[in-house]
Amino acid sequence: MSITLTHYLTVSAILFSLGLLCVITKKNAVTVLMGVELILNAANINFIAFARFVDTDLDGQVFAVFVIVTAAAAAAVALAIVLNLYERLRSIDLDEADSLAR
């Protein structure tokens, strides 16, 4: 049995679903960030799988590197926001984040 494109897409769909479930249901800011990372990793798997199985001039690995760099930058900004939230409220519960607007 060889690994086909369907196998990669199935793993990617599972990762994406778990990440989306995590983003929608969790209230902890760090857990939500972990869900976003799962979603971005699912996109990376798709890019690399399509680059391997479809003959195109575009390299999926190049796109995956761009996604990883963008995710690292977004994670740095998001962690700075979480640290600011914790510094002001002594909690990282996202339900309390609306009090920063006052």
C-alpha atoms as a PDB file:
ATOM      1  CA  MET A   1       0.000   0.000   0.000  1.00  0.00           C
ATOM      2  CA  SER A   2       1.402   3.354  -0.988  1.00  0.00           C
ATOM      3  CA  ILE A   3       0.566   6.717   0.480  1.00  0.00           C
ATOM      4  CA  THR A   4      -1.578   8.735  -1.915  1.00  0.00           C
ATOM      5  CA  LEU A   5      -2.794  12.310  -2.056  1.00  0.00           C
ATOM      6  CA  THR A   6      -6.013  11.248  -0.342  1.00  0.00           C
ATOM      7  CA  HIS A   7      -4.083  10.157   2.737  1.00  0.00           C
ATOM      8  CA  TYR A   8      -2.393  13.540   3.034  1.00  0.00           C
ATOM      9  CA  LEU A   9      -5.662  15.401   2.520  1.00  0.00           C
ATOM     10  CA  THR A  10      -7.380  13.268   5.153  1.00  0.00           C
ATOM     11  CA  VAL A  11      -4.692  14.034   7.738  1.00  0.00           C
ATOM     12  CA  SER A  12      -4.873  17.701   6.790  1.00  0.00           C
ATOM     13  CA  ALA A  13      -8.666  17.764   7.141  1.00  0.00           C
ATOM     14  CA  ILE A  14      -8.433  16.148  10.581  1.00  0.00           C
ATOM     15  CA  LEU A  15      -5.818  18.684  11.718  1.00  0.00           C
ATOM     16  CA  PHE A  16      -7.867  21.557  10.347  1.00  0.00           C
ATOM     17  CA  SER A  17     -11.022  20.304  12.068  1.00  0.00           C
ATOM     18  CA  LEU A  18      -9.253  19.903  15.403  1.00  0.00           C
ATOM     19  CA  GLY A  19      -7.736  23.377  15.101  1.00  0.00           C
ATOM     20  CA  LEU A  20     -11.066  24.943  14.210  1.00  0.00           C
ATOM     21  CA  LEU A  21     -12.776  23.147  17.090  1.00  0.00           C
ATOM     22  CA  CYS A  22     -10.068  24.422  19.430  1.00  0.00           C
ATOM     23  CA  VAL A  23     -10.406  28.022  18.221  1.00  0.00           C
ATOM     24  CA  ILE A  24     -14.201  27.999  18.491  1.00  0.00           C
ATOM     25  CA  THR A  25     -14.624  26.271  21.851  1.00  0.00           C
ATOM     26  CA  LYS A  26     -11.721  27.368  24.034  1.00  0.00           C
ATOM     27  CA  LYS A  27     -11.587  30.529  26.138  1.00  0.00           C
ATOM     28  CA  ASN A  28      -7.913  30.398  27.041  1.00  0.00           C
ATOM     29  CA  ALA A  29      -5.858  32.641  24.735  1.00  0.00           C
ATOM     30  CA  VAL A  30      -2.887  30.278  24.572  1.00  0.00           C
ATOM     31  CA  THR A  31      -5.127  27.353  23.628  1.00  0.00           C
ATOM     32  CA  VAL A  32      -6.728  29.420  20.868  1.00  0.00           C
ATOM     33  CA  LEU A  33      -3.254  30.215  19.512  1.00  0.00           C
ATOM     34  CA  MET A  34      -2.446  26.502  19.495  1.00  0.00           C
ATOM     35  CA  GLY A  35      -5.611  25.917  17.450  1.00  0.00           C
ATOM     36  CA  VAL A  36      -4.528  28.545  14.918  1.00  0.00           C
ATOM     37  CA  GLU A  37      -1.168  26.792  14.616  1.00  0.00           C
ATOM     38  CA  LEU A  38      -2.947  23.502  13.892  1.00  0.00           C
ATOM     39  CA  ILE A  39      -4.921  25.191  11.114  1.00  0.00           C
ATOM     40  CA  LEU A  40      -1.748  26.627   9.582  1.00  0.00           C
ATOM     41  CA  ASN A  41      -0.020  23.236   9.770  1.00  0.00           C
ATOM     42  CA  ALA A  42      -2.971  21.686   7.931  1.00  0.00           C
ATOM     43  CA  ALA A  43      -2.468  24.247   5.162  1.00  0.00           C
ATOM     44  CA  ASN A  44       1.243  23.394   5.064  1.00  0.00           C
ATOM     45  CA  ILE A  45       0.462  19.697   4.608  1.00  0.00           C
ATOM     46  CA  ASN A  46      -1.832  20.578   1.698  1.00  0.00           C
ATOM     47  CA  PHE A  47       0.806  22.748   0.021  1.00  0.00           C
ATOM     48  CA  ILE A  48       3.481  20.079   0.254  1.00  0.00           C
ATOM     49  CA  ALA A  49       1.171  17.230  -0.776  1.00  0.00           C
ATOM     50  CA  PHE A  50      -0.051  19.056  -3.870  1.00  0.00           C
ATOM     51  CA  ALA A  51       3.528  19.989  -4.773  1.00  0.00           C
ATOM     52  CA  ARG A  52       4.466  16.314  -4.612  1.00  0.00           C
ATOM     53  CA  PHE A  53       1.511  14.802  -6.472  1.00  0.00           C
ATOM     54  CA  VAL A  54       0.627  17.512  -9.022  1.00  0.00           C
ATOM     55  CA  ASP A  55       3.109  18.586 -11.676  1.00  0.00           C
ATOM     56  CA  THR A  56       3.273  22.358 -11.439  1.00  0.00           C
ATOM     57  CA  ASP A  57       5.979  24.968 -11.674  1.00  0.00           C
ATOM     58  CA  LEU A  58       5.189  26.134  -8.137  1.00  0.00           C
ATOM     59  CA  ASP A  59       6.871  24.463  -5.205  1.00  0.00           C
ATOM     60  CA  GLY A  60       4.651  23.668  -2.251  1.00  0.00           C
ATOM     61  CA  GLN A  61       7.672  23.711   0.019  1.00  0.00           C
ATOM     62  CA  VAL A  62       8.249  27.395  -0.774  1.00  0.00           C
ATOM     63  CA  PHE A  63       4.655  28.203   0.155  1.00  0.00           C
ATOM     64  CA  ALA A  64       4.991  26.153   3.334  1.00  0.00           C
ATOM     65  CA  VAL A  65       8.077  28.137   4.359  1.00  0.00           C
ATOM     66  CA  PHE A  66       6.180  31.397   3.817  1.00  0.00           C
ATOM     67  CA  VAL A  67       3.300  30.089   5.939  1.00  0.00           C
ATOM     68  CA  ILE A  68       5.711  29.051   8.699  1.00  0.00           C
ATOM     69  CA  VAL A  69       7.403  32.473   8.696  1.00  0.00           C
ATOM     70  CA  THR A  70       4.050  34.260   8.745  1.00  0.00           C
ATOM     71  CA  ALA A  71       2.808  32.002  11.552  1.00  0.00           C
ATOM     72  CA  ALA A  72       5.916  32.719  13.602  1.00  0.00           C
ATOM     73  CA  ALA A  73       5.411  36.460  13.196  1.00  0.00           C
ATOM     74  CA  ALA A  74       1.715  36.169  14.053  1.00  0.00           C
ATOM     75  CA  ALA A  75       2.520  34.041  17.093  1.00  0.00           C
ATOM     76  CA  ALA A  76       4.987  36.656  18.334  1.00  0.00           C
ATOM     77  CA  VAL A  77       2.397  39.412  18.039  1.00  0.00           C
ATOM     78  CA  ALA A  78      -0.329  37.250  19.595  1.00  0.00           C
ATOM     79  CA  LEU A  79       1.892  36.279  22.521  1.00  0.00           C
ATOM     80  CA  ALA A  80       2.682  39.956  23.099  1.00  0.00           C
ATOM     81  CA  ILE A  81      -1.070  40.634  23.247  1.00  0.00           C
ATOM     82  CA  VAL A  82      -1.581  37.716  25.651  1.00  0.00           C
ATOM     83  CA  LEU A  83       1.234  38.981  27.893  1.00  0.00           C
ATOM     84  CA  ASN A  84      -0.333  42.450  27.887  1.00  0.00           C
ATOM     85  CA  LEU A  85      -3.706  40.911  28.757  1.00  0.00           C
ATOM     86  CA  TYR A  86      -2.177  38.958  31.618  1.00  0.00           C
ATOM     87  CA  GLU A  87      -0.247  41.986  32.891  1.00  0.00           C
ATOM     88  CA  ARG A  88      -3.413  44.076  33.104  1.00  0.00           C
ATOM     89  CA  LEU A  89      -5.956  41.474  34.258  1.00  0.00           C
ATOM     90  CA  ARG A  90      -3.855  38.692  35.828  1.00  0.00           C
ATOM     91  CA  SER A  91      -5.823  36.267  33.656  1.00  0.00           C
ATOM     92  CA  ILE A  92      -5.676  35.007  30.084  1.00  0.00           C
ATOM     93  CA  ASP A  93      -9.403  34.276  29.877  1.00  0.00           C
ATOM     94  CA  LEU A  94     -10.709  35.739  26.623  1.00  0.00           C
ATOM     95  CA  ASP A  95     -14.109  36.548  28.171  1.00  0.00           C
ATOM     96  CA  GLU A  96     -12.392  39.185  30.309  1.00  0.00           C
ATOM     97  CA  ALA A  97     -10.588  40.759  27.348  1.00  0.00           C
ATOM     98  CA  ASP A  98     -13.509  43.085  26.581  1.00  0.00           C
ATOM     99  CA  SER A  99     -12.721  45.003  29.782  1.00  0.00           C
ATOM    100  CA  LEU A 100      -9.589  46.394  28.103  1.00  0.00           C
ATOM    101  CA  ALA A 101     -11.788  48.603  25.905  1.00  0.00           C
ATOM    102  CA  ARG A 102     -13.052  50.637  28.857  1.00  0.00           C
END
